[in-house]
Amino acid sequence: QLVFSSSTTVYGWPKEVLCTEEFPLSATNPYSRTKLVIEDICHDLQCSDPDWKIILLRYFNAVDTHSSGYIGDDPLGVPNNLMPYVQQVAVGRRPTLTVYGTDYNTKDGTGVCAEVCITD
């Protein structure tokens, strides 16, 4: 059995904001290309040997820090997801955090987060 941690970057820059699994796949950078290549390998493996049970999980905004401190969220340059911005504001590297979106179908109008721990 195999669970592959992929990414929603495999969808490239879709024209619609709400992605579905049926969206066309399009690598836009080396990171998304590696995810697509490994997804293809997983597909080929499962087709060639049905005993393999494989699931691909495509995450948005992957965030976590390993308890060892060797894996974390402190990117060089401009962050491409939310958590590094939150952390940079918390330690004073950025003055403010701007939150976008007030019209989601939630109690307070903000987006919903789902979490998966890297040590699970």
Protein backbone atom coordinates (compact mmCIF):
# COMPACT_ATOMS: atom_id res chain seq x y z
CA GLN A 1 0.00 0.00 0.00
CA LEU A 2 1.21 3.48 -0.83
CA VAL A 3 -0.04 6.98 -0.06
CA PHE A 4 1.66 9.58 -2.25
CA SER A 5 1.73 13.16 -1.04
CA SER A 6 1.22 15.13 -4.23
CA SER A 7 0.14 18.75 -4.67
CA THR A 8 -2.54 20.85 -6.32
CA THR A 9 0.27 22.50 -8.26
CA VAL A 10 -0.26 19.66 -10.77
CA TYR A 11 -3.28 21.64 -12.05
CA GLY A 12 -1.07 24.55 -13.16
CA TRP A 13 -3.03 27.81 -13.29
CA PRO A 14 -6.66 26.73 -13.79
CA LYS A 15 -9.11 29.28 -15.16
CA GLU A 16 -11.61 28.48 -12.41
CA VAL A 17 -10.86 28.91 -8.72
CA LEU A 18 -12.70 25.79 -7.57
CA CYS A 19 -10.52 22.91 -8.78
CA THR A 20 -11.84 19.40 -9.23
CA GLU A 21 -9.94 16.19 -9.91
CA GLU A 22 -11.20 16.34 -13.49
CA PHE A 23 -9.20 19.50 -14.24
CA PRO A 24 -6.44 19.07 -16.85
CA LEU A 25 -2.98 18.49 -15.43
CA SER A 26 -0.27 21.00 -16.27
CA ALA A 27 3.15 21.33 -14.66
CA THR A 28 4.25 24.96 -14.41
CA ASN A 29 7.52 24.52 -12.51
CA PRO A 30 10.02 21.78 -11.58
CA TYR A 31 8.18 21.02 -8.32
CA SER A 32 4.85 20.36 -10.05
CA ARG A 33 6.63 18.41 -12.80
CA THR A 34 8.14 16.02 -10.21
CA LYS A 35 4.72 15.51 -8.64
CA LEU A 36 3.19 14.67 -12.04
CA VAL A 37 6.02 12.28 -12.94
CA ILE A 38 5.64 10.39 -9.66
CA GLU A 39 1.84 10.30 -10.08
CA ASP A 40 2.41 8.75 -13.53
CA ILE A 41 4.79 6.17 -12.04
CA CYS A 42 2.20 5.30 -9.38
CA HIS A 43 -0.47 4.90 -12.07
CA ASP A 44 1.81 2.66 -14.16
CA LEU A 45 2.72 0.57 -11.12
CA GLN A 46 -0.89 0.02 -10.13
CA CYS A 47 -1.86 -0.87 -13.72
CA SER A 48 0.99 -3.36 -14.05
CA ASP A 49 0.38 -4.98 -10.65
CA PRO A 50 -3.19 -4.78 -9.29
CA ASP A 51 -1.99 -5.92 -5.86
CA TRP A 52 -0.66 -2.41 -5.34
CA LYS A 53 -3.15 -0.15 -3.54
CA ILE A 54 -2.15 3.45 -4.22
CA ILE A 55 -3.82 6.74 -3.37
CA LEU A 56 -2.67 10.20 -4.41
CA LEU A 57 -3.41 13.14 -2.11
CA ARG A 58 -3.23 16.60 -3.68
CA TYR A 59 -2.83 19.24 -1.00
CA PHE A 60 -3.33 23.00 -0.98
CA ASN A 61 -1.06 25.01 1.34
CA ALA A 62 0.98 22.18 2.80
CA VAL A 63 2.20 23.39 6.21
CA ASP A 64 4.01 21.74 9.08
CA THR A 65 7.27 21.52 10.94
CA HIS A 66 8.89 18.25 11.89
CA SER A 67 9.61 17.81 15.61
CA SER A 68 13.35 17.52 14.81
CA GLY A 69 13.37 21.09 13.49
CA TYR A 70 15.06 19.98 10.24
CA ILE A 71 11.90 20.28 8.14
CA GLY A 72 9.90 23.48 8.34
CA ASP A 73 8.34 26.49 6.65
CA ASP A 74 10.90 29.26 6.24
CA PRO A 75 11.24 29.69 2.48
CA LEU A 76 13.76 31.91 0.75
CA GLY A 77 12.24 34.82 -1.15
CA VAL A 78 8.50 35.40 -1.38
CA PRO A 79 6.38 32.68 0.28
CA ASN A 80 3.83 30.90 -1.90
CA ASN A 81 1.40 29.89 0.84
CA LEU A 82 -0.14 31.30 4.00
CA MET A 83 1.80 29.81 6.92
CA PRO A 84 5.20 31.40 6.21
CA TYR A 85 3.46 34.81 6.14
CA VAL A 86 1.82 34.08 9.52
CA GLN A 87 5.17 33.03 11.00
CA GLN A 88 7.00 36.04 9.56
CA VAL A 89 4.45 38.42 11.08
CA ALA A 90 4.68 36.58 14.42
CA VAL A 91 8.46 37.09 14.62
CA GLY A 92 8.38 40.66 13.29
CA ARG A 93 9.84 40.06 9.81
CA ARG A 94 6.63 41.42 8.24
CA PRO A 95 4.50 44.20 9.74
CA THR A 96 1.04 42.82 8.93
CA LEU A 97 -0.90 39.89 7.53
CA THR A 98 -3.64 40.63 5.02
CA VAL A 99 -6.54 38.18 4.98
CA TYR A 100 -8.56 37.99 1.77
CA GLY A 101 -12.09 36.65 1.38
CA THR A 102 -15.22 37.48 3.34
CA ASP A 103 -17.91 35.84 1.23
CA TYR A 104 -17.32 32.11 1.75
CA ASN A 105 -20.27 29.93 2.80
CA THR A 106 -19.06 29.73 6.43
CA LYS A 107 -20.30 31.23 9.70
CA ASP A 108 -17.86 34.16 9.56
CA GLY A 109 -17.41 34.31 5.77
CA THR A 110 -13.78 33.16 5.82
CA GLY A 111 -12.29 30.05 4.21
CA VAL A 112 -12.16 26.59 5.79
CA CYS A 113 -8.86 24.85 6.53
CA ALA A 114 -8.24 21.11 6.50
CA GLU A 115 -5.10 19.77 8.15
CA VAL A 116 -2.89 16.74 7.64
CA CYS A 117 0.17 16.28 9.88
CA ILE A 118 3.43 15.28 8.14
CA THR A 119 4.10 12.73 10.87
CA ASP A 120 0.77 10.93 10.38
